[in-house]
PDB file of N, CA and C in Angstrom:
ATOM      1  N   MET A   1     -30.899  80.062 -51.150  1.00  0.00           N
ATOM      2  CA  MET A   1     -30.723  79.058 -50.628  1.00  0.00           C
ATOM      3  C   MET A   1     -29.835  79.425 -49.341  1.00  0.00           C
ATOM      4  N   SER A   2     -29.084  80.200 -49.169  1.00  0.00           N
ATOM      5  CA  SER A   2     -28.603  80.758 -48.007  1.00  0.00           C
ATOM      6  C   SER A   2     -29.471  81.539 -47.173  1.00  0.00           C
ATOM      7  N   GLN A   3     -30.553  82.390 -47.831  1.00  0.00           N
ATOM      8  CA  GLN A   3     -31.239  82.993 -46.873  1.00  0.00           C
ATOM      9  C   GLN A   3     -32.454  81.801 -46.400  1.00  0.00           C
ATOM     10  N   LEU A   4     -32.637  80.855 -46.948  1.00  0.00           N
ATOM     11  CA  LEU A   4     -33.390  79.746 -46.639  1.00  0.00           C
ATOM     12  C   LEU A   4     -32.926  79.056 -45.318  1.00  0.00           C
ATOM     13  N   THR A   5     -31.522  79.097 -45.260  1.00  0.00           N
ATOM     14  CA  THR A   5     -30.910  78.349 -44.335  1.00  0.00           C
ATOM     15  C   THR A   5     -30.857  79.371 -43.256  1.00  0.00           C
ATOM     16  N   LEU A   6     -30.645  80.560 -43.243  1.00  0.00           N
ATOM     17  CA  LEU A   6     -30.494  81.611 -42.368  1.00  0.00           C
ATOM     18  C   LEU A   6     -31.837  81.470 -41.625  1.00  0.00           C
ATOM     19  N   LEU A   7     -32.983  81.502 -42.365  1.00  0.00           N
ATOM     20  CA  LEU A   7     -34.274  81.617 -41.712  1.00  0.00           C
ATOM     21  C   LEU A   7     -34.570  80.332 -41.097  1.00  0.00           C
ATOM     22  N   HIS A   8     -34.170  79.243 -41.330  1.00  0.00           N
ATOM     23  CA  HIS A   8     -34.245  78.087 -40.593  1.00  0.00           C
ATOM     24  C   HIS A   8     -33.475  78.174 -39.363  1.00  0.00           C
ATOM     25  N   CYS A   9     -32.548  78.662 -39.324  1.00  0.00           N
ATOM     26  CA  CYS A   9     -31.571  78.846 -38.081  1.00  0.00           C
ATOM     27  C   CYS A   9     -32.253  79.711 -37.040  1.00  0.00           C
ATOM     28  N   ILE A  10     -32.734  81.066 -37.737  1.00  0.00           N
ATOM     29  CA  ILE A  10     -33.658  82.099 -36.851  1.00  0.00           C
ATOM     30  C   ILE A  10     -34.699  81.432 -36.067  1.00  0.00           C
ATOM     31  N   THR A  11     -35.675  80.528 -36.999  1.00  0.00           N
ATOM     32  CA  THR A  11     -36.646  79.976 -36.428  1.00  0.00           C
ATOM     33  C   THR A  11     -36.638  78.827 -35.258  1.00  0.00           C
ATOM     34  N   LYS A  12     -35.323  78.215 -35.685  1.00  0.00           N
ATOM     35  CA  LYS A  12     -34.567  77.113 -34.722  1.00  0.00           C
ATOM     36  C   LYS A  12     -34.397  77.605 -33.437  1.00  0.00           C
ATOM     37  N   GLN A  13     -33.659  78.858 -33.443  1.00  0.00           N
ATOM     38  CA  GLN A  13     -33.405  79.637 -32.382  1.00  0.00           C
ATOM     39  C   GLN A  13     -34.695  80.225 -31.567  1.00  0.00           C
ATOM     40  N   GLU A  14     -35.549  80.898 -32.232  1.00  0.00           N
ATOM     41  CA  GLU A  14     -36.897  81.177 -31.800  1.00  0.00           C
ATOM     42  C   GLU A  14     -37.545  79.890 -31.075  1.00  0.00           C
ATOM     43  N   GLY A  15     -37.437  78.814 -31.790  1.00  0.00           N
ATOM     44  CA  GLY A  15     -38.464  77.523 -31.293  1.00  0.00           C
ATOM     45  C   GLY A  15     -37.971  77.286 -29.945  1.00  0.00           C
ATOM     46  N   THR A  16     -36.531  77.114 -29.452  1.00  0.00           N
ATOM     47  CA  THR A  16     -35.894  76.754 -28.479  1.00  0.00           C
ATOM     48  C   THR A  16     -36.289  77.699 -27.443  1.00  0.00           C
ATOM     49  N   ILE A  17     -36.677  78.913 -27.594  1.00  0.00           N
ATOM     50  CA  ILE A  17     -36.819  80.085 -26.782  1.00  0.00           C
ATOM     51  C   ILE A  17     -38.400  79.972 -26.401  1.00  0.00           C
ATOM     52  N   ILE A  18     -39.193  79.903 -27.563  1.00  0.00           N
ATOM     53  CA  ILE A  18     -40.689  80.332 -27.359  1.00  0.00           C
ATOM     54  C   ILE A  18     -41.040  78.930 -26.634  1.00  0.00           C
ATOM     55  N   LEU A  19     -40.911  77.690 -27.333  1.00  0.00           N
ATOM     56  CA  LEU A  19     -41.177  76.008 -26.732  1.00  0.00           C
ATOM     57  C   LEU A  19     -40.841  76.120 -25.353  1.00  0.00           C
ATOM     58  N   PRO A  20     -40.220  76.513 -24.342  1.00  0.00           N
ATOM     59  CA  PRO A  20     -40.249  76.192 -23.016  1.00  0.00           C
ATOM     60  C   PRO A  20     -41.330  77.472 -22.639  1.00  0.00           C
ATOM     61  N   LYS A  21     -41.275  78.462 -22.976  1.00  0.00           N
ATOM     62  CA  LYS A  21     -42.295  79.450 -22.520  1.00  0.00           C
ATOM     63  C   LYS A  21     -43.759  78.965 -22.859  1.00  0.00           C
ATOM     64  N   LEU A  22     -44.034  78.264 -23.910  1.00  0.00           N
ATOM     65  CA  LEU A  22     -45.491  77.955 -24.132  1.00  0.00           C
ATOM     66  C   LEU A  22     -45.803  76.611 -23.272  1.00  0.00           C
ATOM     67  N   LEU A  23     -44.777  75.725 -22.832  1.00  0.00           N
ATOM     68  CA  LEU A  23     -44.821  74.861 -21.894  1.00  0.00           C
ATOM     69  C   LEU A  23     -45.223  75.162 -20.705  1.00  0.00           C
ATOM     70  N   THR A  24     -44.551  76.354 -20.289  1.00  0.00           N
ATOM     71  CA  THR A  24     -44.810  76.696 -18.942  1.00  0.00           C
ATOM     72  C   THR A  24     -46.083  77.344 -18.642  1.00  0.00           C
ATOM     73  N   LEU A  25     -46.536  78.078 -19.883  1.00  0.00           N
ATOM     74  CA  LEU A  25     -47.760  78.777 -19.688  1.00  0.00           C
ATOM     75  C   LEU A  25     -49.025  77.594 -19.735  1.00  0.00           C
ATOM     76  N   ASN A  26     -48.655  76.251 -20.438  1.00  0.00           N
ATOM     77  CA  ASN A  26     -49.394  75.725 -20.605  1.00  0.00           C
ATOM     78  C   ASN A  26     -49.672  74.862 -19.073  1.00  0.00           C
ATOM     79  N   TYR A  27     -48.611  74.574 -18.394  1.00  0.00           N
ATOM     80  CA  TYR A  27     -48.473  73.898 -17.064  1.00  0.00           C
ATOM     81  C   TYR A  27     -49.134  74.933 -15.937  1.00  0.00           C
ATOM     82  N   LEU A  28     -48.911  76.202 -16.160  1.00  0.00           N
ATOM     83  CA  LEU A  28     -49.520  77.196 -15.167  1.00  0.00           C
ATOM     84  C   LEU A  28     -51.118  77.162 -15.493  1.00  0.00           C
ATOM     85  N   ASN A  29     -51.399  77.183 -16.755  1.00  0.00           N
ATOM     86  CA  ASN A  29     -52.837  77.265 -17.077  1.00  0.00           C
ATOM     87  C   ASN A  29     -53.786  76.097 -16.668  1.00  0.00           C
ATOM     88  N   THR A  30     -52.961  74.760 -16.550  1.00  0.00           N
ATOM     89  CA  THR A  30     -53.665  73.589 -16.244  1.00  0.00           C
ATOM     90  C   THR A  30     -53.905  73.519 -14.560  1.00  0.00           C
ATOM     91  N   ARG A  31     -52.595  74.049 -14.176  1.00  0.00           N
ATOM     92  CA  ARG A  31     -52.535  74.256 -12.678  1.00  0.00           C
ATOM     93  C   ARG A  31     -53.433  75.304 -11.983  1.00  0.00           C
ATOM     94  N   PHE A  32     -53.906  76.267 -12.806  1.00  0.00           N
ATOM     95  CA  PHE A  32     -54.775  77.125 -12.405  1.00  0.00           C
ATOM     96  C   PHE A  32     -56.435  76.825 -12.590  1.00  0.00           C
ATOM     97  N   ARG A  33     -56.494  75.969 -13.444  1.00  0.00           N
ATOM     98  CA  ARG A  33     -57.642  75.503 -13.797  1.00  0.00           C
ATOM     99  C   ARG A  33     -58.001  74.206 -13.003  1.00  0.00           C
ATOM    100  N   LYS A  34     -56.953  73.624 -12.039  1.00  0.00           N
ATOM    101  CA  LYS A  34     -57.271  72.684 -11.213  1.00  0.00           C
ATOM    102  C   LYS A  34     -57.570  73.320  -9.844  1.00  0.00           C
ATOM    103  N   GLU A  35     -56.814  74.431  -9.541  1.00  0.00           N
ATOM    104  CA  GLU A  35     -57.052  75.251  -8.389  1.00  0.00           C
ATOM    105  C   GLU A  35     -58.451  76.040  -8.593  1.00  0.00           C
ATOM    106  N   LEU A  36     -58.826  76.325  -9.538  1.00  0.00           N
ATOM    107  CA  LEU A  36     -60.362  77.123  -9.977  1.00  0.00           C
ATOM    108  C   LEU A  36     -61.119  76.092  -9.723  1.00  0.00           C
ATOM    109  N   GLY A  37     -61.040  74.789 -10.363  1.00  0.00           N
ATOM    110  CA  GLY A  37     -61.972  73.870 -10.230  1.00  0.00           C
ATOM    111  C   GLY A  37     -62.281  73.355  -8.748  1.00  0.00           C
ATOM    112  N   SER A  38     -61.107  73.218  -7.892  1.00  0.00           N
ATOM    113  CA  SER A  38     -61.359  72.587  -6.363  1.00  0.00           C
ATOM    114  C   SER A  38     -62.045  73.784  -5.664  1.00  0.00           C
ATOM    115  N   ILE A  39     -61.781  75.213  -6.302  1.00  0.00           N
ATOM    116  CA  ILE A  39     -62.499  76.206  -5.155  1.00  0.00           C
ATOM    117  C   ILE A  39     -64.034  76.198  -5.634  1.00  0.00           C
ATOM    118  N   SER A  40     -64.208  76.025  -7.074  1.00  0.00           N
ATOM    119  CA  SER A  40     -65.797  76.176  -7.491  1.00  0.00           C
ATOM    120  C   SER A  40     -66.542  74.844  -6.944  1.00  0.00           C
ATOM    121  N   VAL A  41     -65.852  73.824  -6.702  1.00  0.00           N
ATOM    122  CA  VAL A  41     -66.501  72.416  -6.106  1.00  0.00           C
ATOM    123  C   VAL A  41     -66.439  72.758  -4.661  1.00  0.00           C
TER     124      VAL A  41
END
């Protein structure tokens, strides 16, 4: 039970670190695609 709680805390911490990174990557990716689209057109 304690191991499960510890694992949950670790994944929760990683989530708060990884999620913003994923959102930033997603934002940069969409922005990059828009710029590429405007260049190709």
